[in-house]
Amino acid sequence: MKSSSSFTARSSALAALSVSLIACMVPVQALAPVSLSSNLQVRSTITKLHNIYDDWRSDAVVDTMFLDEDNVRMVLEEFIDSDYGAQMFGCHERAASIGVTGYIEFVELCGPEVTLSLSGQFWHRRDTVLGRAAMWLNARMPEITDVVVADQDELKDFEDVLDDFGEVLYQKDKRSPDYNGDREAMEYQGRDPDMRGPFPQGPMGSGTMINPV
């Protein structure tokens, strides 16, 4: 009888421990599936713990791969979907909320030269957008020697509007709106706005006012 009671007590303890462990487990189903029907929807709702591009900006160490079209497209998506890209491209909700519509796309690969396309309005200078993409592509695929745009006008932040005689009437600003005046203020101070981006980080987190010099 004593042996039977001891076995029953141990069984009860193990059962209680099993219930406790199960209660502490995080169910896999807690991560809601994401529909891939809309790129904008995916980028607006997914919360990532980290991104390989953001990691690279921190320590400058990254795995490399061979150069082909599929890898160029994949690496460009890494750049676009990074935390850094979230303030640069209009496919992201926060950037879109301040009027950013800019996007970067792969056009073609010719030998070691990659051609990209810039469209829409960027808060950053367009040559900064291309330059950041070029550095990342080359870091991942060292075979790349040049990253260019097919049309040099895509790198112009201002567009000349001409009259019927070819004279310049005015310059059209192709950038997204300076929603809080920070970009103009930093330019006036002789600072490069692109070094900070449109969203300052203050002691209380993201803000809407310019950081002090």
N, C-alpha and C. Protein backbone atom coordinates (compact mmCIF):
# COMPACT_ATOMS: atom_id res chain seq x y z
N MET A 1 0.84 -1.21 0.00
CA MET A 1 0.00 0.00 0.00
C MET A 1 0.87 1.25 0.00
N LYS A 2 1.95 1.24 0.81
CA LYS A 2 2.83 2.39 0.87
C LYS A 2 3.46 2.66 -0.48
N SER A 3 3.90 1.59 -1.14
CA SER A 3 4.51 1.75 -2.48
C SER A 3 3.51 2.30 -3.47
N SER A 4 2.28 1.83 -3.42
CA SER A 4 1.24 2.32 -4.33
C SER A 4 0.94 3.77 -4.09
N SER A 5 0.91 4.20 -2.83
CA SER A 5 0.62 5.61 -2.51
C SER A 5 1.75 6.49 -3.00
N SER A 6 3.02 6.02 -2.83
CA SER A 6 4.18 6.80 -3.29
C SER A 6 4.15 6.97 -4.80
N PHE A 7 3.82 5.89 -5.53
CA PHE A 7 3.73 5.96 -6.99
C PHE A 7 2.65 6.96 -7.42
N THR A 8 1.50 6.92 -6.73
CA THR A 8 0.39 7.84 -7.06
C THR A 8 0.80 9.28 -6.83
N ALA A 9 1.53 9.52 -5.71
CA ALA A 9 1.96 10.89 -5.40
C ALA A 9 2.92 11.39 -6.46
N ARG A 10 3.89 10.51 -6.87
CA ARG A 10 4.84 10.92 -7.90
C ARG A 10 4.14 11.18 -9.23
N SER A 11 3.16 10.38 -9.57
CA SER A 11 2.41 10.56 -10.82
C SER A 11 1.67 11.89 -10.81
N SER A 12 1.10 12.22 -9.66
CA SER A 12 0.36 13.49 -9.55
C SER A 12 1.31 14.67 -9.71
N ALA A 13 2.51 14.53 -9.09
CA ALA A 13 3.50 15.62 -9.18
C ALA A 13 3.95 15.81 -10.61
N LEU A 14 4.22 14.71 -11.34
CA LEU A 14 4.64 14.81 -12.73
C LEU A 14 3.55 15.41 -13.60
N ALA A 15 2.31 15.03 -13.34
CA ALA A 15 1.19 15.59 -14.10
C ALA A 15 1.09 17.08 -13.89
N ALA A 16 1.26 17.50 -12.61
CA ALA A 16 1.18 18.94 -12.31
C ALA A 16 2.31 19.69 -12.99
N LEU A 17 3.54 19.08 -12.99
CA LEU A 17 4.68 19.70 -13.65
C LEU A 17 4.45 19.82 -15.15
N SER A 18 3.87 18.79 -15.76
CA SER A 18 3.59 18.82 -17.20
C SER A 18 2.62 19.94 -17.53
N VAL A 19 1.58 20.09 -16.72
CA VAL A 19 0.60 21.16 -16.95
C VAL A 19 1.26 22.51 -16.84
N SER A 20 2.17 22.66 -15.82
CA SER A 20 2.87 23.92 -15.62
C SER A 20 3.74 24.26 -16.81
N LEU A 21 4.48 23.26 -17.32
CA LEU A 21 5.35 23.49 -18.48
C LEU A 21 4.55 23.86 -19.72
N ILE A 22 3.44 23.17 -19.92
CA ILE A 22 2.60 23.45 -21.09
C ILE A 22 2.06 24.87 -21.01
N ALA A 23 1.69 25.30 -19.82
CA ALA A 23 1.14 26.65 -19.66
C ALA A 23 2.17 27.71 -19.97
N CYS A 24 3.48 27.38 -19.74
CA CYS A 24 4.54 28.36 -19.97
C CYS A 24 5.01 28.41 -21.41
N MET A 25 4.62 27.43 -22.20
CA MET A 25 5.07 27.38 -23.60
C MET A 25 4.35 28.43 -24.42
N VAL A 26 5.11 29.04 -25.39
CA VAL A 26 4.52 30.01 -26.32
C VAL A 26 4.04 29.27 -27.55
N PRO A 27 2.76 29.22 -27.82
CA PRO A 27 2.26 28.46 -28.96
C PRO A 27 2.70 29.07 -30.28
N VAL A 28 3.08 28.21 -31.21
CA VAL A 28 3.51 28.67 -32.52
C VAL A 28 2.39 29.41 -33.23
N GLN A 29 1.16 29.00 -33.00
CA GLN A 29 0.03 29.61 -33.68
C GLN A 29 -0.22 31.05 -33.25
N ALA A 30 0.52 31.51 -32.22
CA ALA A 30 0.33 32.90 -31.78
C ALA A 30 0.80 33.88 -32.84
N LEU A 31 1.68 33.42 -33.74
CA LEU A 31 2.14 34.27 -34.83
C LEU A 31 1.14 34.17 -35.98
N ALA A 32 0.39 35.23 -36.18
CA ALA A 32 -0.67 35.20 -37.19
C ALA A 32 -0.06 35.12 -38.58
N PRO A 33 -0.63 34.29 -39.46
CA PRO A 33 -0.12 34.22 -40.84
C PRO A 33 -0.34 35.53 -41.56
N VAL A 34 0.59 35.86 -42.48
CA VAL A 34 0.53 37.11 -43.22
C VAL A 34 0.21 36.83 -44.67
N SER A 35 -0.77 37.51 -45.19
CA SER A 35 -1.12 37.35 -46.60
C SER A 35 -0.07 37.99 -47.47
N LEU A 36 0.30 37.33 -48.55
CA LEU A 36 1.28 37.86 -49.49
C LEU A 36 0.62 38.50 -50.69
N SER A 37 -0.66 38.78 -50.59
CA SER A 37 -1.37 39.34 -51.74
C SER A 37 -1.03 40.78 -51.98
N SER A 38 -0.48 41.48 -50.97
CA SER A 38 -0.17 42.89 -51.12
C SER A 38 1.15 43.20 -50.45
N ASN A 39 2.16 43.67 -51.24
CA ASN A 39 3.45 44.01 -50.67
C ASN A 39 3.33 45.12 -49.66
N LEU A 40 2.49 46.12 -49.95
CA LEU A 40 2.34 47.24 -49.05
C LEU A 40 1.73 46.79 -47.74
N GLN A 41 0.77 45.89 -47.80
CA GLN A 41 0.13 45.39 -46.59
C GLN A 41 1.13 44.62 -45.73
N VAL A 42 1.94 43.79 -46.36
CA VAL A 42 2.94 43.01 -45.63
C VAL A 42 3.90 43.95 -44.92
N ARG A 43 4.41 44.95 -45.62
CA ARG A 43 5.40 45.84 -45.04
C ARG A 43 4.81 46.76 -43.98
N SER A 44 3.48 46.94 -44.01
CA SER A 44 2.84 47.79 -43.02
C SER A 44 2.55 47.05 -41.73
N THR A 45 2.46 45.71 -41.77
CA THR A 45 1.99 44.97 -40.61
C THR A 45 3.05 44.09 -39.96
N ILE A 46 4.07 43.67 -40.70
CA ILE A 46 5.08 42.78 -40.13
C ILE A 46 5.98 43.57 -39.18
N THR A 47 6.26 43.00 -38.01
CA THR A 47 7.22 43.57 -37.09
C THR A 47 8.41 42.62 -37.02
N LYS A 48 9.56 43.08 -37.51
CA LYS A 48 10.74 42.24 -37.56
C LYS A 48 11.62 42.52 -36.35
N LEU A 49 12.29 41.49 -35.83
CA LEU A 49 13.23 41.68 -34.74
C LEU A 49 14.51 42.34 -35.24
N HIS A 50 14.90 42.04 -36.47
CA HIS A 50 16.10 42.63 -37.04
C HIS A 50 16.07 42.43 -38.54
N ASN A 51 16.99 43.09 -39.22
CA ASN A 51 17.12 42.95 -40.67
C ASN A 51 18.60 42.91 -40.99
N ILE A 52 18.99 42.12 -41.97
CA ILE A 52 20.40 41.93 -42.27
C ILE A 52 21.08 43.24 -42.67
N TYR A 53 20.34 44.14 -43.36
CA TYR A 53 20.93 45.42 -43.73
C TYR A 53 21.21 46.27 -42.50
N ASP A 54 20.26 46.31 -41.56
CA ASP A 54 20.44 47.08 -40.34
C ASP A 54 21.60 46.53 -39.51
N ASP A 55 21.73 45.20 -39.47
CA ASP A 55 22.86 44.59 -38.78
C ASP A 55 24.18 45.00 -39.43
N TRP A 56 24.19 45.01 -40.75
CA TRP A 56 25.40 45.37 -41.49
C TRP A 56 25.81 46.82 -41.22
N ARG A 57 24.86 47.71 -41.13
CA ARG A 57 25.17 49.11 -40.84
C ARG A 57 25.80 49.26 -39.46
N SER A 58 25.52 48.30 -38.57
CA SER A 58 26.05 48.37 -37.22
C SER A 58 27.48 47.85 -37.12
N ASP A 59 27.78 46.73 -37.82
CA ASP A 59 29.11 46.14 -37.65
C ASP A 59 29.87 45.89 -38.95
N ALA A 60 29.26 46.21 -40.10
CA ALA A 60 29.94 46.14 -41.40
C ALA A 60 30.42 44.73 -41.75
N VAL A 61 29.79 43.70 -41.20
CA VAL A 61 30.14 42.31 -41.52
C VAL A 61 28.90 41.63 -42.10
N VAL A 62 29.05 41.03 -43.28
CA VAL A 62 27.90 40.40 -43.91
C VAL A 62 28.38 39.28 -44.82
N ASP A 63 27.57 38.25 -44.97
CA ASP A 63 27.89 37.15 -45.88
C ASP A 63 27.73 37.62 -47.32
N THR A 64 28.58 37.10 -48.20
CA THR A 64 28.51 37.46 -49.62
C THR A 64 27.90 36.31 -50.41
N MET A 65 27.51 36.63 -51.66
CA MET A 65 26.91 35.64 -52.54
C MET A 65 27.32 35.94 -53.98
N PHE A 66 27.05 34.99 -54.87
CA PHE A 66 27.42 35.19 -56.27
C PHE A 66 26.42 36.14 -56.93
N LEU A 67 26.84 36.73 -58.02
CA LEU A 67 26.04 37.75 -58.71
C LEU A 67 25.14 37.12 -59.76
N ASP A 68 23.83 37.27 -59.60
CA ASP A 68 22.87 36.96 -60.65
C ASP A 68 21.61 37.79 -60.39
N GLU A 69 20.67 37.75 -61.32
CA GLU A 69 19.49 38.60 -61.22
C GLU A 69 18.65 38.30 -59.98
N ASP A 70 18.47 37.02 -59.68
CA ASP A 70 17.66 36.65 -58.52
C ASP A 70 18.26 37.19 -57.23
N ASN A 71 19.57 37.10 -57.11
CA ASN A 71 20.22 37.59 -55.90
C ASN A 71 20.18 39.11 -55.81
N VAL A 72 20.29 39.77 -56.95
CA VAL A 72 20.18 41.24 -56.95
C VAL A 72 18.79 41.65 -56.45
N ARG A 73 17.77 41.01 -56.97
CA ARG A 73 16.40 41.33 -56.53
C ARG A 73 16.23 41.07 -55.03
N MET A 74 16.76 39.94 -54.56
CA MET A 74 16.61 39.58 -53.15
C MET A 74 17.33 40.59 -52.25
N VAL A 75 18.56 40.95 -52.61
CA VAL A 75 19.35 41.87 -51.80
C VAL A 75 18.73 43.27 -51.82
N LEU A 76 18.16 43.67 -52.96
CA LEU A 76 17.49 44.96 -53.03
C LEU A 76 16.27 44.98 -52.10
N GLU A 77 15.57 43.86 -52.01
CA GLU A 77 14.44 43.76 -51.09
C GLU A 77 14.90 43.84 -49.63
N GLU A 78 16.07 43.28 -49.33
CA GLU A 78 16.63 43.40 -47.98
C GLU A 78 16.82 44.86 -47.61
N PHE A 79 17.30 45.63 -48.56
CA PHE A 79 17.52 47.06 -48.35
C PHE A 79 16.19 47.79 -48.15
N ILE A 80 15.23 47.52 -49.03
CA ILE A 80 13.93 48.19 -48.96
C ILE A 80 13.21 47.86 -47.67
N ASP A 81 13.29 46.60 -47.22
CA ASP A 81 12.53 46.15 -46.06
C ASP A 81 13.25 46.39 -44.73
N SER A 82 14.41 47.01 -44.77
CA SER A 82 15.16 47.28 -43.53
C SER A 82 14.51 48.43 -42.76
N ASP A 83 14.94 48.59 -41.50
CA ASP A 83 14.48 49.73 -40.71
C ASP A 83 14.89 51.03 -41.39
N TYR A 84 16.09 51.03 -41.98
CA TYR A 84 16.56 52.22 -42.70
C TYR A 84 15.66 52.49 -43.91
N GLY A 85 15.32 51.44 -44.65
CA GLY A 85 14.46 51.59 -45.81
C GLY A 85 13.07 52.04 -45.45
N ALA A 86 12.64 51.76 -44.21
CA ALA A 86 11.29 52.13 -43.78
C ALA A 86 11.07 53.62 -43.73
N GLN A 87 12.17 54.40 -43.63
CA GLN A 87 12.02 55.85 -43.64
C GLN A 87 12.31 56.45 -45.02
N MET A 88 12.66 55.60 -45.96
CA MET A 88 13.09 56.08 -47.28
C MET A 88 12.09 55.79 -48.38
N PHE A 89 11.32 54.71 -48.26
CA PHE A 89 10.48 54.26 -49.37
C PHE A 89 8.99 54.33 -49.04
N GLY A 90 8.21 54.73 -50.03
CA GLY A 90 6.78 54.94 -49.85
C GLY A 90 5.96 53.68 -49.70
N CYS A 91 6.58 52.50 -49.83
CA CYS A 91 5.85 51.25 -49.61
C CYS A 91 5.66 51.00 -48.13
N HIS A 92 6.30 51.80 -47.28
CA HIS A 92 6.17 51.66 -45.84
C HIS A 92 5.20 52.71 -45.30
N GLU A 93 4.41 52.30 -44.33
CA GLU A 93 3.30 53.11 -43.84
C GLU A 93 3.76 54.46 -43.27
N ARG A 94 4.83 54.44 -42.46
CA ARG A 94 5.25 55.68 -41.82
C ARG A 94 5.78 56.69 -42.83
N ALA A 95 6.61 56.22 -43.78
CA ALA A 95 7.13 57.12 -44.81
C ALA A 95 6.00 57.66 -45.68
N ALA A 96 5.07 56.79 -46.03
CA ALA A 96 3.94 57.21 -46.85
C ALA A 96 3.10 58.28 -46.15
N SER A 97 3.06 58.23 -44.82
CA SER A 97 2.23 59.18 -44.06
C SER A 97 2.75 60.60 -44.13
N ILE A 98 4.02 60.81 -44.52
CA ILE A 98 4.56 62.16 -44.67
C ILE A 98 4.74 62.53 -46.14
N GLY A 99 4.13 61.77 -47.03
CA GLY A 99 4.14 62.11 -48.45
C GLY A 99 5.22 61.45 -49.28
N VAL A 100 5.97 60.52 -48.71
CA VAL A 100 7.00 59.81 -49.48
C VAL A 100 6.32 58.77 -50.36
N THR A 101 6.61 58.83 -51.66
CA THR A 101 6.07 57.85 -52.61
C THR A 101 7.20 57.13 -53.36
N GLY A 102 8.44 57.46 -53.03
CA GLY A 102 9.59 56.95 -53.77
C GLY A 102 9.76 55.45 -53.67
N TYR A 103 10.28 54.88 -54.76
CA TYR A 103 10.55 53.44 -54.79
C TYR A 103 11.76 53.18 -55.69
N ILE A 104 12.44 52.07 -55.44
CA ILE A 104 13.60 51.67 -56.23
C ILE A 104 13.36 50.27 -56.76
N GLU A 105 13.69 50.06 -58.03
CA GLU A 105 13.43 48.77 -58.67
C GLU A 105 14.63 48.31 -59.49
N PHE A 106 14.76 47.00 -59.61
CA PHE A 106 15.78 46.41 -60.46
C PHE A 106 15.32 46.49 -61.92
N VAL A 107 16.25 46.88 -62.80
CA VAL A 107 15.95 46.97 -64.24
C VAL A 107 16.66 45.86 -65.00
N GLU A 108 17.98 45.80 -64.89
CA GLU A 108 18.70 44.77 -65.62
C GLU A 108 20.09 44.56 -65.04
N LEU A 109 20.67 43.43 -65.39
CA LEU A 109 22.04 43.10 -65.01
C LEU A 109 22.82 42.85 -66.29
N CYS A 110 23.90 43.60 -66.48
CA CYS A 110 24.74 43.45 -67.66
C CYS A 110 26.18 43.26 -67.20
N GLY A 111 26.62 42.00 -67.19
CA GLY A 111 27.95 41.72 -66.65
C GLY A 111 27.99 42.09 -65.18
N PRO A 112 28.99 42.90 -64.77
CA PRO A 112 29.08 43.31 -63.36
C PRO A 112 28.34 44.63 -63.07
N GLU A 113 27.56 45.12 -64.04
CA GLU A 113 26.86 46.39 -63.88
C GLU A 113 25.37 46.17 -63.63
N VAL A 114 24.86 46.79 -62.57
CA VAL A 114 23.45 46.69 -62.20
C VAL A 114 22.75 48.00 -62.52
N THR A 115 21.62 47.91 -63.20
CA THR A 115 20.83 49.11 -63.51
C THR A 115 19.55 49.09 -62.68
N LEU A 116 19.31 50.19 -61.99
CA LEU A 116 18.12 50.34 -61.16
C LEU A 116 17.27 51.50 -61.66
N SER A 117 16.07 51.61 -61.12
CA SER A 117 15.17 52.69 -61.49
C SER A 117 14.62 53.35 -60.23
N LEU A 118 14.62 54.69 -60.20
CA LEU A 118 14.04 55.44 -59.10
C LEU A 118 12.77 56.14 -59.58
N SER A 119 11.71 56.03 -58.80
CA SER A 119 10.45 56.67 -59.17
C SER A 119 9.79 57.27 -57.93
N GLY A 120 8.90 58.23 -58.14
CA GLY A 120 8.17 58.83 -57.03
C GLY A 120 8.97 59.91 -56.33
N GLN A 121 8.46 60.32 -55.17
CA GLN A 121 9.06 61.41 -54.39
C GLN A 121 9.76 60.85 -53.15
N PHE A 122 11.02 61.28 -52.95
CA PHE A 122 11.80 60.87 -51.79
C PHE A 122 12.02 62.06 -50.87
N TRP A 123 12.10 61.81 -49.57
CA TRP A 123 12.52 62.85 -48.62
C TRP A 123 14.03 63.03 -48.75
N HIS A 124 14.75 61.93 -48.95
CA HIS A 124 16.20 61.95 -49.14
C HIS A 124 16.54 62.43 -50.55
N ARG A 125 17.79 62.87 -50.74
CA ARG A 125 18.26 63.14 -52.09
C ARG A 125 18.28 61.84 -52.87
N ARG A 126 17.99 61.92 -54.13
CA ARG A 126 17.90 60.71 -54.95
C ARG A 126 19.26 60.04 -55.13
N ASP A 127 20.33 60.83 -55.17
CA ASP A 127 21.64 60.20 -55.29
C ASP A 127 22.03 59.49 -54.00
N THR A 128 21.47 59.93 -52.88
CA THR A 128 21.69 59.22 -51.62
C THR A 128 21.00 57.86 -51.66
N VAL A 129 19.78 57.83 -52.18
CA VAL A 129 19.03 56.58 -52.29
C VAL A 129 19.81 55.57 -53.14
N LEU A 130 20.26 56.02 -54.31
CA LEU A 130 21.01 55.13 -55.19
C LEU A 130 22.33 54.72 -54.55
N GLY A 131 23.01 55.67 -53.91
CA GLY A 131 24.30 55.37 -53.30
C GLY A 131 24.20 54.34 -52.19
N ARG A 132 23.17 54.47 -51.34
CA ARG A 132 22.98 53.50 -50.26
C ARG A 132 22.68 52.10 -50.82
N ALA A 133 21.85 52.06 -51.85
CA ALA A 133 21.54 50.78 -52.49
C ALA A 133 22.79 50.17 -53.11
N ALA A 134 23.61 51.00 -53.76
CA ALA A 134 24.82 50.52 -54.42
C ALA A 134 25.81 49.94 -53.41
N MET A 135 25.98 50.60 -52.27
CA MET A 135 26.90 50.11 -51.25
C MET A 135 26.46 48.75 -50.71
N TRP A 136 25.15 48.59 -50.51
CA TRP A 136 24.64 47.33 -49.98
C TRP A 136 24.76 46.21 -51.01
N LEU A 137 24.42 46.50 -52.24
CA LEU A 137 24.53 45.49 -53.29
C LEU A 137 25.97 45.02 -53.43
N ASN A 138 26.91 45.95 -53.39
CA ASN A 138 28.33 45.59 -53.53
C ASN A 138 28.84 44.84 -52.31
N ALA A 139 28.33 45.17 -51.12
CA ALA A 139 28.74 44.45 -49.91
C ALA A 139 28.31 42.99 -49.97
N ARG A 140 27.13 42.74 -50.54
CA ARG A 140 26.60 41.38 -50.62
C ARG A 140 27.15 40.63 -51.83
N MET A 141 27.41 41.38 -52.92
CA MET A 141 27.92 40.76 -54.16
C MET A 141 29.12 41.56 -54.65
N PRO A 142 30.31 41.27 -54.15
CA PRO A 142 31.51 42.05 -54.49
C PRO A 142 31.85 42.08 -55.97
N GLU A 143 31.25 41.18 -56.76
CA GLU A 143 31.51 41.19 -58.21
C GLU A 143 30.98 42.44 -58.88
N ILE A 144 30.01 43.10 -58.26
CA ILE A 144 29.40 44.30 -58.86
C ILE A 144 30.42 45.42 -58.91
N THR A 145 30.54 46.03 -60.08
CA THR A 145 31.48 47.16 -60.26
C THR A 145 30.76 48.49 -60.39
N ASP A 146 29.52 48.47 -60.90
CA ASP A 146 28.78 49.71 -61.10
C ASP A 146 27.29 49.49 -60.81
N VAL A 147 26.68 50.49 -60.17
CA VAL A 147 25.23 50.52 -59.98
C VAL A 147 24.75 51.85 -60.53
N VAL A 148 23.93 51.81 -61.56
CA VAL A 148 23.56 53.02 -62.30
C VAL A 148 22.04 53.07 -62.50
N VAL A 149 21.57 54.21 -62.99
CA VAL A 149 20.19 54.33 -63.44
C VAL A 149 20.20 54.49 -64.96
N ALA A 150 19.16 54.01 -65.60
CA ALA A 150 19.09 54.06 -67.06
C ALA A 150 18.99 55.50 -67.55
N ASP A 151 18.29 56.34 -66.80
CA ASP A 151 18.06 57.74 -67.18
C ASP A 151 18.61 58.64 -66.07
N GLN A 152 19.58 59.46 -66.41
CA GLN A 152 20.21 60.33 -65.41
C GLN A 152 19.23 61.32 -64.78
N ASP A 153 18.14 61.61 -65.47
CA ASP A 153 17.13 62.52 -64.91
C ASP A 153 16.50 61.95 -63.64
N GLU A 154 16.58 60.63 -63.47
CA GLU A 154 16.03 60.01 -62.28
C GLU A 154 16.79 60.41 -61.02
N LEU A 155 18.01 60.94 -61.19
CA LEU A 155 18.82 61.35 -60.05
C LEU A 155 18.65 62.83 -59.72
N LYS A 156 17.85 63.54 -60.48
CA LYS A 156 17.66 64.97 -60.25
C LYS A 156 16.55 65.20 -59.23
N ASP A 157 16.85 66.01 -58.22
CA ASP A 157 15.84 66.33 -57.20
C ASP A 157 14.95 67.48 -57.65
N PHE A 158 15.39 68.20 -58.68
CA PHE A 158 14.60 69.30 -59.23
C PHE A 158 14.50 69.14 -60.74
N GLU A 159 13.35 69.49 -61.27
CA GLU A 159 13.11 69.35 -62.70
C GLU A 159 12.82 70.72 -63.31
N ASP A 160 13.54 71.05 -64.39
CA ASP A 160 13.31 72.33 -65.07
C ASP A 160 12.00 72.27 -65.85
N VAL A 161 11.16 73.25 -65.65
CA VAL A 161 9.92 73.39 -66.42
C VAL A 161 10.16 74.48 -67.46
N LEU A 162 10.03 74.11 -68.73
CA LEU A 162 10.38 75.01 -69.83
C LEU A 162 9.14 75.59 -70.50
N ASP A 163 9.33 76.75 -71.12
CA ASP A 163 8.25 77.32 -71.91
C ASP A 163 8.35 76.80 -73.34
N ASP A 164 7.53 77.33 -74.24
CA ASP A 164 7.51 76.86 -75.62
C ASP A 164 8.80 77.16 -76.38
N PHE A 165 9.61 78.05 -75.84
CA PHE A 165 10.85 78.43 -76.51
C PHE A 165 12.07 77.78 -75.87
N GLY A 166 11.83 76.89 -74.94
CA GLY A 166 12.93 76.18 -74.30
C GLY A 166 13.58 76.92 -73.15
N GLU A 167 12.98 78.03 -72.73
CA GLU A 167 13.52 78.79 -71.60
C GLU A 167 12.96 78.22 -70.29
N VAL A 168 13.78 78.26 -69.26
CA VAL A 168 13.37 77.73 -67.97
C VAL A 168 12.41 78.71 -67.29
N LEU A 169 11.19 78.22 -67.01
CA LEU A 169 10.21 79.04 -66.30
C LEU A 169 10.42 78.95 -64.79
N TYR A 170 10.61 77.75 -64.29
CA TYR A 170 10.85 77.52 -62.87
C TYR A 170 11.34 76.09 -62.69
N GLN A 171 11.77 75.80 -61.48
CA GLN A 171 12.21 74.44 -61.14
C GLN A 171 11.17 73.77 -60.25
N LYS A 172 10.78 72.58 -60.64
CA LYS A 172 9.81 71.80 -59.88
C LYS A 172 10.56 70.90 -58.88
N ASP A 173 10.19 70.98 -57.63
CA ASP A 173 10.81 70.17 -56.59
C ASP A 173 10.24 68.76 -56.65
N LYS A 174 11.08 67.77 -56.91
CA LYS A 174 10.64 66.39 -57.03
C LYS A 174 10.69 65.63 -55.70
N ARG A 175 11.14 66.32 -54.65
CA ARG A 175 11.22 65.68 -53.34
C ARG A 175 9.84 65.63 -52.68
N SER A 176 9.71 64.77 -51.68
CA SER A 176 8.47 64.73 -50.90
C SER A 176 8.43 65.98 -50.02
N PRO A 177 7.25 66.34 -49.51
CA PRO A 177 7.13 67.56 -48.69
C PRO A 177 8.04 67.53 -47.46
N ASP A 178 8.55 68.70 -47.10
CA ASP A 178 9.32 68.86 -45.87
C ASP A 178 8.30 69.04 -44.75
N TYR A 179 7.74 67.92 -44.29
CA TYR A 179 6.51 67.92 -43.50
C TYR A 179 6.60 68.69 -42.18
N ASN A 180 7.80 68.78 -41.59
CA ASN A 180 7.93 69.51 -40.32
C ASN A 180 8.99 70.59 -40.36
N GLY A 181 9.55 70.86 -41.55
CA GLY A 181 10.54 71.92 -41.71
C GLY A 181 11.96 71.53 -41.33
N ASP A 182 12.15 70.29 -40.88
CA ASP A 182 13.49 69.87 -40.43
C ASP A 182 14.51 69.87 -41.56
N ARG A 183 14.11 69.42 -42.74
CA ARG A 183 15.06 69.32 -43.85
C ARG A 183 15.63 70.70 -44.20
N GLU A 184 14.76 71.68 -44.31
CA GLU A 184 15.22 73.04 -44.63
C GLU A 184 16.07 73.60 -43.50
N ALA A 185 15.70 73.33 -42.25
CA ALA A 185 16.45 73.83 -41.10
C ALA A 185 17.86 73.24 -41.08
N MET A 186 17.98 71.94 -41.35
CA MET A 186 19.30 71.32 -41.36
C MET A 186 20.15 71.84 -42.51
N GLU A 187 19.55 72.06 -43.67
CA GLU A 187 20.28 72.62 -44.80
C GLU A 187 20.78 74.02 -44.46
N TYR A 188 19.95 74.80 -43.78
CA TYR A 188 20.33 76.16 -43.37
C TYR A 188 21.50 76.12 -42.39
N GLN A 189 21.52 75.10 -41.53
CA GLN A 189 22.60 74.94 -40.55
C GLN A 189 23.87 74.36 -41.16
N GLY A 190 23.81 74.00 -42.44
CA GLY A 190 24.97 73.41 -43.08
C GLY A 190 25.12 71.92 -42.79
N ARG A 191 24.05 71.29 -42.31
CA ARG A 191 24.07 69.86 -42.01
C ARG A 191 23.42 69.09 -43.16
N ASP A 192 23.82 67.84 -43.30
CA ASP A 192 23.26 66.97 -44.34
C ASP A 192 22.00 66.29 -43.79
N PRO A 193 20.80 66.65 -44.27
CA PRO A 193 19.58 66.03 -43.74
C PRO A 193 19.55 64.52 -43.90
N ASP A 194 20.19 64.01 -44.95
CA ASP A 194 20.15 62.58 -45.22
C ASP A 194 20.90 61.77 -44.17
N MET A 195 21.80 62.41 -43.42
CA MET A 195 22.52 61.70 -42.38
C MET A 195 21.60 61.34 -41.22
N ARG A 196 20.52 62.11 -41.04
CA ARG A 196 19.59 61.82 -39.97
C ARG A 196 18.31 61.19 -40.47
N GLY A 197 17.83 61.65 -41.63
CA GLY A 197 16.56 61.16 -42.15
C GLY A 197 15.39 61.98 -41.65
N PRO A 198 14.19 61.65 -42.08
CA PRO A 198 13.02 62.47 -41.76
C PRO A 198 12.51 62.33 -40.34
N PHE A 199 12.91 61.26 -39.63
CA PHE A 199 12.34 60.99 -38.31
C PHE A 199 13.43 61.04 -37.24
N PRO A 200 13.51 62.14 -36.48
CA PRO A 200 14.53 62.24 -35.44
C PRO A 200 14.25 61.31 -34.28
N GLN A 201 15.32 60.91 -33.59
CA GLN A 201 15.20 60.10 -32.38
C GLN A 201 15.64 60.95 -31.20
N GLY A 202 14.70 61.28 -30.35
CA GLY A 202 15.00 62.06 -29.16
C GLY A 202 15.06 61.18 -27.93
N PRO A 203 15.25 61.78 -26.76
CA PRO A 203 15.31 60.99 -25.51
C PRO A 203 14.02 60.25 -25.20
N MET A 204 12.91 60.73 -25.77
CA MET A 204 11.63 60.08 -25.53
C MET A 204 11.18 59.27 -26.73
N GLY A 205 12.12 58.97 -27.65
CA GLY A 205 11.77 58.21 -28.84
C GLY A 205 11.60 59.11 -30.04
N SER A 206 10.87 58.63 -31.05
CA SER A 206 10.68 59.40 -32.28
C SER A 206 9.91 60.67 -31.98
N GLY A 207 10.30 61.74 -32.64
CA GLY A 207 9.63 63.01 -32.46
C GLY A 207 9.33 63.68 -33.77
N THR A 208 8.89 64.92 -33.70
CA THR A 208 8.58 65.67 -34.92
C THR A 208 9.40 66.93 -35.03
N MET A 209 10.25 67.20 -34.05
CA MET A 209 11.05 68.40 -34.08
C MET A 209 12.50 68.05 -34.34
N ILE A 210 13.25 69.01 -34.85
CA ILE A 210 14.65 68.78 -35.20
C ILE A 210 15.47 68.55 -33.94
N ASN A 211 16.45 67.64 -34.03
CA ASN A 211 17.34 67.42 -32.91
C ASN A 211 18.27 68.61 -32.76
N PRO A 212 18.64 68.97 -31.53
CA PRO A 212 19.60 70.09 -31.36
C PRO A 212 20.95 69.73 -31.93
N VAL A 213 21.70 70.74 -32.38
CA VAL A 213 23.04 70.53 -32.95
C VAL A 213 23.97 70.08 -31.82
